[in-house]
Amino acid sequence: MTISTVKSAFREGLLTGLPFTLIGFPFALLFGVVAAEAGFTVTQVLAFSAVVFAGASQLTALQMMNEAAPVWIVIATAMAVNLRMAMYSASLQPHLGAAPLWQRVLIAYVNVDASYAISIQKFEKAPEMSVPNRVAYFFGSIIFMIPLWPLGSYIGALAGDSLPESIALDFAMPIMFLAVVAPMVRTLAHLGAAVTSIIAAMVFSFLPAGVGILLAAFLAMAVGAEIERRRAA
């Protein structure tokens, strides 16, 4: 495997992931603003984003803290929201499992919705890619957001209420998830899983934060697998 080939894979991942940066950065700003309004110091906001590096669970944990929930409930809820990362990791294992341990540790840290969605689509379309190329592509897809996520949170915390209300930062999260999911709905099984997840998430919306989403994810996977099984029969 030549260095130029690895560089090409990295550059391709970088270009593919660039649009998500334009969405992810406002999301980081939003977290910084909300966290500052909740009483977090700028240092705490920066540390929170740098250590956790997961927007949805960070906002969920923040909401639970605002509600004065016990620490163990905050941690458990944030972990429940982030359990989808375990599903992502299991899906990536056949493609990246042969990478060196230190690379897999870094991949686990930056394995978020966007980097997963971008990479898994590429790996499934190009099964001939070598492991070094896959690793390079994965890191290229998220390389900009690694510094921009904590930086955006930091700027949001500094800005706080000084940002004009006309700047609607809350658009970022739903747009990002739509951009992540839509290109992956390519078969009837994908469509069935997507529809199931939407309906189940609404049905289970009365459950504690994160639990309903987790149940919806399992139901969606079961429906998708059953559709695939019947089509193959």
C-alpha atoms as a PDB file:
ATOM      1  CA  MET A   1       0.000   0.000   0.000  1.00  0.00           C
ATOM      2  CA  THR A   2       1.596   3.259  -1.112  1.00  0.00           C
ATOM      3  CA  ILE A   3       1.517   6.442   0.910  1.00  0.00           C
ATOM      4  CA  SER A   4      -0.075   8.296  -2.002  1.00  0.00           C
ATOM      5  CA  THR A   5      -3.021   5.852  -2.025  1.00  0.00           C
ATOM      6  CA  VAL A   6      -3.601   6.346   1.698  1.00  0.00           C
ATOM      7  CA  LYS A   7      -3.410  10.108   1.218  1.00  0.00           C
ATOM      8  CA  SER A   8      -5.966   9.883  -1.592  1.00  0.00           C
ATOM      9  CA  ALA A   9      -8.358   7.938   0.647  1.00  0.00           C
ATOM     10  CA  PHE A  10      -7.895  10.484   3.426  1.00  0.00           C
ATOM     11  CA  ARG A  11      -8.525  13.373   1.028  1.00  0.00           C
ATOM     12  CA  GLU A  12     -11.657  11.702  -0.356  1.00  0.00           C
ATOM     13  CA  GLY A  13     -13.035  11.194   3.157  1.00  0.00           C
ATOM     14  CA  LEU A  14     -12.220  14.801   4.020  1.00  0.00           C
ATOM     15  CA  LEU A  15     -14.106  16.154   1.015  1.00  0.00           C
ATOM     16  CA  THR A  16     -17.080  13.876   1.655  1.00  0.00           C
ATOM     17  CA  GLY A  17     -17.265  14.912   5.309  1.00  0.00           C
ATOM     18  CA  LEU A  18     -16.871  18.629   4.686  1.00  0.00           C
ATOM     19  CA  PRO A  19     -20.633  19.366   4.319  1.00  0.00           C
ATOM     20  CA  PHE A  20     -21.271  17.821   7.730  1.00  0.00           C
ATOM     21  CA  THR A  21     -18.782  20.250   9.222  1.00  0.00           C
ATOM     22  CA  LEU A  22     -21.009  23.115   8.084  1.00  0.00           C
ATOM     23  CA  ILE A  23     -23.828  21.548  10.108  1.00  0.00           C
ATOM     24  CA  GLY A  24     -21.831  20.214  13.040  1.00  0.00           C
ATOM     25  CA  PHE A  25     -20.180  23.518  13.913  1.00  0.00           C
ATOM     26  CA  PRO A  26     -23.503  25.368  14.558  1.00  0.00           C
ATOM     27  CA  PHE A  27     -24.544  22.344  16.619  1.00  0.00           C
ATOM     28  CA  ALA A  28     -21.410  22.833  18.734  1.00  0.00           C
ATOM     29  CA  LEU A  29     -22.210  26.533  19.107  1.00  0.00           C
ATOM     30  CA  LEU A  30     -25.708  25.621  20.273  1.00  0.00           C
ATOM     31  CA  PHE A  31     -24.362  23.300  22.939  1.00  0.00           C
ATOM     32  CA  GLY A  32     -21.966  25.975  24.171  1.00  0.00           C
ATOM     33  CA  VAL A  33     -24.741  28.554  24.439  1.00  0.00           C
ATOM     34  CA  VAL A  34     -27.146  26.194  26.226  1.00  0.00           C
ATOM     35  CA  ALA A  35     -24.449  24.958  28.611  1.00  0.00           C
ATOM     36  CA  ALA A  36     -23.411  28.521  29.490  1.00  0.00           C
ATOM     37  CA  GLU A  37     -27.038  29.453  30.146  1.00  0.00           C
ATOM     38  CA  ALA A  38     -27.263  26.428  32.442  1.00  0.00           C
ATOM     39  CA  GLY A  39     -24.432  27.811  34.555  1.00  0.00           C
ATOM     40  CA  PHE A  40     -21.422  25.958  33.177  1.00  0.00           C
ATOM     41  CA  THR A  41     -18.154  27.848  33.079  1.00  0.00           C
ATOM     42  CA  VAL A  42     -16.337  28.215  29.766  1.00  0.00           C
ATOM     43  CA  THR A  43     -13.691  25.757  30.974  1.00  0.00           C
ATOM     44  CA  GLN A  44     -16.328  23.198  31.930  1.00  0.00           C
ATOM     45  CA  VAL A  45     -18.046  23.527  28.545  1.00  0.00           C
ATOM     46  CA  LEU A  46     -14.757  23.054  26.715  1.00  0.00           C
ATOM     47  CA  ALA A  47     -13.821  20.029  28.832  1.00  0.00           C
ATOM     48  CA  PHE A  48     -17.310  18.523  28.405  1.00  0.00           C
ATOM     49  CA  SER A  49     -17.098  18.657  24.605  1.00  0.00           C
ATOM     50  CA  ALA A  50     -13.472  17.525  24.437  1.00  0.00           C
ATOM     51  CA  VAL A  51     -13.999  14.503  26.688  1.00  0.00           C
ATOM     52  CA  VAL A  52     -17.453  13.334  25.590  1.00  0.00           C
ATOM     53  CA  PHE A  53     -17.411  14.390  21.910  1.00  0.00           C
ATOM     54  CA  ALA A  54     -21.054  13.421  21.386  1.00  0.00           C
ATOM     55  CA  GLY A  55     -23.600  16.183  20.841  1.00  0.00           C
ATOM     56  CA  ALA A  56     -26.850  14.327  21.465  1.00  0.00           C
ATOM     57  CA  SER A  57     -25.719  12.758  24.741  1.00  0.00           C
ATOM     58  CA  GLN A  58     -24.159  16.049  25.866  1.00  0.00           C
ATOM     59  CA  LEU A  59     -27.436  17.917  25.370  1.00  0.00           C
ATOM     60  CA  THR A  60     -29.356  15.090  27.035  1.00  0.00           C
ATOM     61  CA  ALA A  61     -27.037  15.086  30.050  1.00  0.00           C
ATOM     62  CA  LEU A  62     -27.320  18.864  30.236  1.00  0.00           C
ATOM     63  CA  GLN A  63     -31.114  18.674  30.273  1.00  0.00           C
ATOM     64  CA  MET A  64     -31.024  16.082  33.057  1.00  0.00           C
ATOM     65  CA  MET A  65     -28.632  18.259  35.080  1.00  0.00           C
ATOM     66  CA  ASN A  66     -30.986  21.220  34.690  1.00  0.00           C
ATOM     67  CA  GLU A  67     -33.745  19.032  36.096  1.00  0.00           C
ATOM     68  CA  ALA A  68     -31.530  18.276  39.122  1.00  0.00           C
ATOM     69  CA  ALA A  69     -31.477  14.562  38.356  1.00  0.00           C
ATOM     70  CA  PRO A  70     -29.133  12.352  40.418  1.00  0.00           C
ATOM     71  CA  VAL A  71     -25.670  11.856  38.946  1.00  0.00           C
ATOM     72  CA  TRP A  72     -26.237   8.169  38.232  1.00  0.00           C
ATOM     73  CA  ILE A  73     -29.395   8.959  36.251  1.00  0.00           C
ATOM     74  CA  VAL A  74     -27.549  11.602  34.221  1.00  0.00           C
ATOM     75  CA  ILE A  75     -24.769   9.141  33.388  1.00  0.00           C
ATOM     76  CA  ALA A  76     -27.150   6.262  32.649  1.00  0.00           C
ATOM     77  CA  THR A  77     -29.320   8.420  30.383  1.00  0.00           C
ATOM     78  CA  ALA A  78     -26.347   9.797  28.461  1.00  0.00           C
ATOM     79  CA  MET A  79     -25.037   6.262  28.017  1.00  0.00           C
ATOM     80  CA  ALA A  80     -28.436   5.087  26.788  1.00  0.00           C
ATOM     81  CA  VAL A  81     -28.470   7.827  24.157  1.00  0.00           C
ATOM     82  CA  ASN A  82     -24.966   6.852  23.085  1.00  0.00           C
ATOM     83  CA  LEU A  83     -25.651   3.112  22.931  1.00  0.00           C
ATOM     84  CA  ARG A  84     -26.241   3.529  19.215  1.00  0.00           C
ATOM     85  CA  MET A  85     -22.472   3.955  18.974  1.00  0.00           C
ATOM     86  CA  ALA A  86     -22.149   0.306  20.005  1.00  0.00           C
ATOM     87  CA  MET A  87     -24.299  -0.598  17.001  1.00  0.00           C
ATOM     88  CA  TYR A  88     -22.113   1.598  14.808  1.00  0.00           C
ATOM     89  CA  SER A  89     -18.991  -0.084  16.139  1.00  0.00           C
ATOM     90  CA  ALA A  90     -20.373  -3.552  15.482  1.00  0.00           C
ATOM     91  CA  SER A  91     -21.197  -2.508  11.924  1.00  0.00           C
ATOM     92  CA  LEU A  92     -17.697  -1.104  11.356  1.00  0.00           C
ATOM     93  CA  GLN A  93     -15.858  -4.060  12.888  1.00  0.00           C
ATOM     94  CA  PRO A  94     -15.698  -6.161   9.689  1.00  0.00           C
ATOM     95  CA  HIS A  95     -14.171  -3.183   7.872  1.00  0.00           C
ATOM     96  CA  LEU A  96     -11.853  -1.721  10.519  1.00  0.00           C
ATOM     97  CA  GLY A  97     -11.369  -4.567  13.003  1.00  0.00           C
ATOM     98  CA  ALA A  98      -7.958  -5.482  11.585  1.00  0.00           C
ATOM     99  CA  ALA A  99      -6.535  -1.995  12.189  1.00  0.00           C
ATOM    100  CA  PRO A 100      -3.890  -1.552  14.918  1.00  0.00           C
ATOM    101  CA  LEU A 101      -5.220  -1.131  18.452  1.00  0.00           C
ATOM    102  CA  TRP A 102      -4.206   2.529  18.773  1.00  0.00           C
ATOM    103  CA  GLN A 103      -6.097   3.346  15.572  1.00  0.00           C
ATOM    104  CA  ARG A 104      -9.195   1.515  16.780  1.00  0.00           C
ATOM    105  CA  VAL A 105      -9.076   3.439  20.052  1.00  0.00           C
ATOM    106  CA  LEU A 106      -9.020   6.744  18.168  1.00  0.00           C
ATOM    107  CA  ILE A 107     -11.760   5.536  15.823  1.00  0.00           C
ATOM    108  CA  ALA A 108     -13.948   4.698  18.841  1.00  0.00           C
ATOM    109  CA  TYR A 109     -13.437   8.224  20.188  1.00  0.00           C
ATOM    110  CA  VAL A 110     -14.491   9.984  16.961  1.00  0.00           C
ATOM    111  CA  ASN A 111     -17.079   7.421  15.858  1.00  0.00           C
ATOM    112  CA  VAL A 112     -20.115   9.695  15.646  1.00  0.00           C
ATOM    113  CA  ASP A 113     -23.205   9.731  13.444  1.00  0.00           C
ATOM    114  CA  ALA A 114     -21.609  11.599  10.551  1.00  0.00           C
ATOM    115  CA  SER A 115     -18.277   9.747  10.469  1.00  0.00           C
ATOM    116  CA  TYR A 116     -20.075   6.408  10.711  1.00  0.00           C
ATOM    117  CA  ALA A 117     -22.645   7.154   8.005  1.00  0.00           C
ATOM    118  CA  ILE A 118     -20.073   8.530   5.574  1.00  0.00           C
ATOM    119  CA  SER A 119     -17.627   5.686   6.119  1.00  0.00           C
ATOM    120  CA  ILE A 120     -19.999   2.720   6.130  1.00  0.00           C
ATOM    121  CA  GLN A 121     -21.513   3.805   2.822  1.00  0.00           C
ATOM    122  CA  LYS A 122     -18.054   4.011   1.265  1.00  0.00           C
ATOM    123  CA  PHE A 123     -16.890   0.689   2.696  1.00  0.00           C
ATOM    124  CA  GLU A 124     -19.986  -1.140   1.452  1.00  0.00           C
ATOM    125  CA  LYS A 125     -19.622   0.332  -2.032  1.00  0.00           C
ATOM    126  CA  ALA A 126     -15.872  -0.340  -2.210  1.00  0.00           C
ATOM    127  CA  PRO A 127     -15.181  -3.693  -0.462  1.00  0.00           C
ATOM    128  CA  GLU A 128     -11.812  -3.879  -2.203  1.00  0.00           C
ATOM    129  CA  MET A 129     -10.399  -1.060  -0.069  1.00  0.00           C
ATOM    130  CA  SER A 130      -7.466  -2.061   2.125  1.00  0.00           C
ATOM    131  CA  VAL A 131      -7.630  -1.551   5.893  1.00  0.00           C
ATOM    132  CA  PRO A 132      -5.128   1.363   5.861  1.00  0.00           C
ATOM    133  CA  ASN A 133      -7.221   3.066   3.189  1.00  0.00           C
ATOM    134  CA  ARG A 134     -10.407   2.550   5.177  1.00  0.00           C
ATOM    135  CA  VAL A 135      -8.803   3.971   8.298  1.00  0.00           C
ATOM    136  CA  ALA A 136      -7.529   6.969   6.333  1.00  0.00           C
ATOM    137  CA  TYR A 137     -10.969   7.547   4.790  1.00  0.00           C
ATOM    138  CA  PHE A 138     -12.673   7.336   8.194  1.00  0.00           C
ATOM    139  CA  PHE A 139     -10.354   9.871   9.811  1.00  0.00           C
ATOM    140  CA  GLY A 140     -10.606  12.137   6.785  1.00  0.00           C
ATOM    141  CA  SER A 141     -14.392  12.215   7.149  1.00  0.00           C
ATOM    142  CA  ILE A 142     -14.207  13.594  10.704  1.00  0.00           C
ATOM    143  CA  ILE A 143     -10.848  15.387  10.810  1.00  0.00           C
ATOM    144  CA  PHE A 144     -12.312  18.903  10.672  1.00  0.00           C
ATOM    145  CA  MET A 145     -14.857  18.263  13.429  1.00  0.00           C
ATOM    146  CA  ILE A 146     -12.271  16.911  15.877  1.00  0.00           C
ATOM    147  CA  PRO A 147     -11.006  20.441  16.692  1.00  0.00           C
ATOM    148  CA  LEU A 148     -14.137  22.318  15.596  1.00  0.00           C
ATOM    149  CA  TRP A 149     -16.511  20.559  18.013  1.00  0.00           C
ATOM    150  CA  PRO A 150     -14.804  21.737  21.220  1.00  0.00           C
ATOM    151  CA  LEU A 151     -13.919  25.066  19.564  1.00  0.00           C
ATOM    152  CA  GLY A 152     -17.547  25.677  18.607  1.00  0.00           C
ATOM    153  CA  SER A 153     -18.681  24.797  22.125  1.00  0.00           C
ATOM    154  CA  TYR A 154     -16.077  27.185  23.516  1.00  0.00           C
ATOM    155  CA  ILE A 155     -17.177  30.046  21.253  1.00  0.00           C
ATOM    156  CA  GLY A 156     -20.848  29.363  22.055  1.00  0.00           C
ATOM    157  CA  ALA A 157     -20.096  29.471  25.777  1.00  0.00           C
ATOM    158  CA  LEU A 158     -18.217  32.754  25.403  1.00  0.00           C
ATOM    159  CA  ALA A 159     -20.925  34.316  23.227  1.00  0.00           C
ATOM    160  CA  GLY A 160     -23.858  33.140  25.328  1.00  0.00           C
ATOM    161  CA  ASP A 161     -26.811  35.519  25.198  1.00  0.00           C
ATOM    162  CA  SER A 162     -24.924  37.963  22.981  1.00  0.00           C
ATOM    163  CA  LEU A 163     -25.836  35.937  19.896  1.00  0.00           C
ATOM    164  CA  PRO A 164     -28.813  37.492  18.066  1.00  0.00           C
ATOM    165  CA  GLU A 165     -32.049  35.543  18.401  1.00  0.00           C
ATOM    166  CA  SER A 166     -32.358  35.646  14.613  1.00  0.00           C
ATOM    167  CA  ILE A 167     -29.496  33.141  14.416  1.00  0.00           C
ATOM    168  CA  ALA A 168     -31.432  29.904  14.819  1.00  0.00           C
ATOM    169  CA  LEU A 169     -28.749  27.388  15.802  1.00  0.00           C
ATOM    170  CA  ASP A 170     -31.260  24.681  16.694  1.00  0.00           C
ATOM    171  CA  PHE A 171     -31.705  23.873  12.992  1.00  0.00           C
ATOM    172  CA  ALA A 172     -28.374  22.045  12.968  1.00  0.00           C
ATOM    173  CA  MET A 173     -29.291  18.844  14.790  1.00  0.00           C
ATOM    174  CA  PRO A 174     -32.341  17.730  12.734  1.00  0.00           C
ATOM    175  CA  ILE A 175     -30.676  18.694   9.454  1.00  0.00           C
ATOM    176  CA  MET A 176     -27.567  16.734  10.350  1.00  0.00           C
ATOM    177  CA  PHE A 177     -29.524  13.581  11.144  1.00  0.00           C
ATOM    178  CA  LEU A 178     -31.598  13.905   7.974  1.00  0.00           C
ATOM    179  CA  ALA A 179     -28.413  14.288   5.935  1.00  0.00           C
ATOM    180  CA  VAL A 180     -26.941  11.232   7.657  1.00  0.00           C
ATOM    181  CA  VAL A 181     -29.945   8.935   7.286  1.00  0.00           C
ATOM    182  CA  ALA A 182     -31.432   9.841   3.892  1.00  0.00           C
ATOM    183  CA  PRO A 183     -28.586   8.545   1.665  1.00  0.00           C
ATOM    184  CA  MET A 184     -28.593   5.228   3.560  1.00  0.00           C
ATOM    185  CA  VAL A 185     -32.226   4.385   2.726  1.00  0.00           C
ATOM    186  CA  ARG A 186     -31.554   2.388  -0.446  1.00  0.00           C
ATOM    187  CA  THR A 187     -33.573  -0.827  -0.074  1.00  0.00           C
ATOM    188  CA  LEU A 188     -36.985  -1.925   1.173  1.00  0.00           C
ATOM    189  CA  ALA A 189     -35.359  -3.192   4.373  1.00  0.00           C
ATOM    190  CA  HIS A 190     -33.756   0.200   4.947  1.00  0.00           C
ATOM    191  CA  LEU A 191     -37.085   1.939   4.355  1.00  0.00           C
ATOM    192  CA  GLY A 192     -38.912  -0.441   6.690  1.00  0.00           C
ATOM    193  CA  ALA A 193     -36.346   0.127   9.411  1.00  0.00           C
ATOM    194  CA  ALA A 194     -36.493   3.913   8.962  1.00  0.00           C
ATOM    195  CA  VAL A 195     -40.305   4.045   9.127  1.00  0.00           C
ATOM    196  CA  THR A 196     -40.353   1.709  12.127  1.00  0.00           C
ATOM    197  CA  SER A 197     -37.824   3.842  14.002  1.00  0.00           C
ATOM    198  CA  ILE A 198     -39.859   7.008  13.418  1.00  0.00           C
ATOM    199  CA  ILE A 199     -43.143   5.468  14.576  1.00  0.00           C
ATOM    200  CA  ALA A 200     -41.573   3.662  17.539  1.00  0.00           C
ATOM    201  CA  ALA A 201     -39.692   6.778  18.677  1.00  0.00           C
ATOM    202  CA  MET A 202     -42.989   8.681  18.805  1.00  0.00           C
ATOM    203  CA  VAL A 203     -44.807   5.822  20.572  1.00  0.00           C
ATOM    204  CA  PHE A 204     -42.065   5.549  23.199  1.00  0.00           C
ATOM    205  CA  SER A 205     -41.625   9.296  23.619  1.00  0.00           C
ATOM    206  CA  PHE A 206     -43.140   9.126  27.121  1.00  0.00           C
ATOM    207  CA  LEU A 207     -40.176   7.062  28.372  1.00  0.00           C
ATOM    208  CA  PRO A 208     -37.116   8.648  30.012  1.00  0.00           C
ATOM    209  CA  ALA A 209     -34.702  10.396  27.643  1.00  0.00           C
ATOM    210  CA  GLY A 210     -32.765   7.941  25.518  1.00  0.00           C
ATOM    211  CA  VAL A 211     -34.736   4.815  26.444  1.00  0.00           C
ATOM    212  CA  GLY A 212     -37.408   5.283  23.782  1.00  0.00           C
ATOM    213  CA  ILE A 213     -34.802   5.929  21.109  1.00  0.00           C
ATOM    214  CA  LEU A 214     -32.938   2.783  22.101  1.00  0.00           C
ATOM    215  CA  LEU A 215     -36.081   0.634  21.954  1.00  0.00           C
ATOM    216  CA  ALA A 216     -36.983   2.166  18.607  1.00  0.00           C
ATOM    217  CA  ALA A 217     -33.522   1.311  17.271  1.00  0.00           C
ATOM    218  CA  PHE A 218     -33.842  -2.342  18.274  1.00  0.00           C
ATOM    219  CA  LEU A 219     -37.315  -2.601  16.748  1.00  0.00           C
ATOM    220  CA  ALA A 220     -36.086  -0.965  13.537  1.00  0.00           C
ATOM    221  CA  MET A 221     -33.204  -3.428  13.254  1.00  0.00           C
ATOM    222  CA  ALA A 222     -35.582  -6.349  13.836  1.00  0.00           C
ATOM    223  CA  VAL A 223     -37.976  -5.134  11.141  1.00  0.00           C
ATOM    224  CA  GLY A 224     -35.148  -4.528   8.666  1.00  0.00           C
ATOM    225  CA  ALA A 225     -33.666  -7.970   9.319  1.00  0.00           C
ATOM    226  CA  GLU A 226     -37.062  -9.652   8.930  1.00  0.00           C
ATOM    227  CA  ILE A 227     -37.692  -7.900   5.598  1.00  0.00           C
ATOM    228  CA  GLU A 228     -34.266  -9.025   4.360  1.00  0.00           C
ATOM    229  CA  ARG A 229     -34.975 -12.587   5.518  1.00  0.00           C
ATOM    230  CA  ARG A 230     -38.301 -12.760   3.703  1.00  0.00           C
ATOM    231  CA  ARG A 231     -36.866 -11.304   0.518  1.00  0.00           C
ATOM    232  CA  ALA A 232     -34.058 -13.856   0.567  1.00  0.00           C
ATOM    233  CA  ALA A 233     -36.441 -16.778   1.195  1.00  0.00           C
END
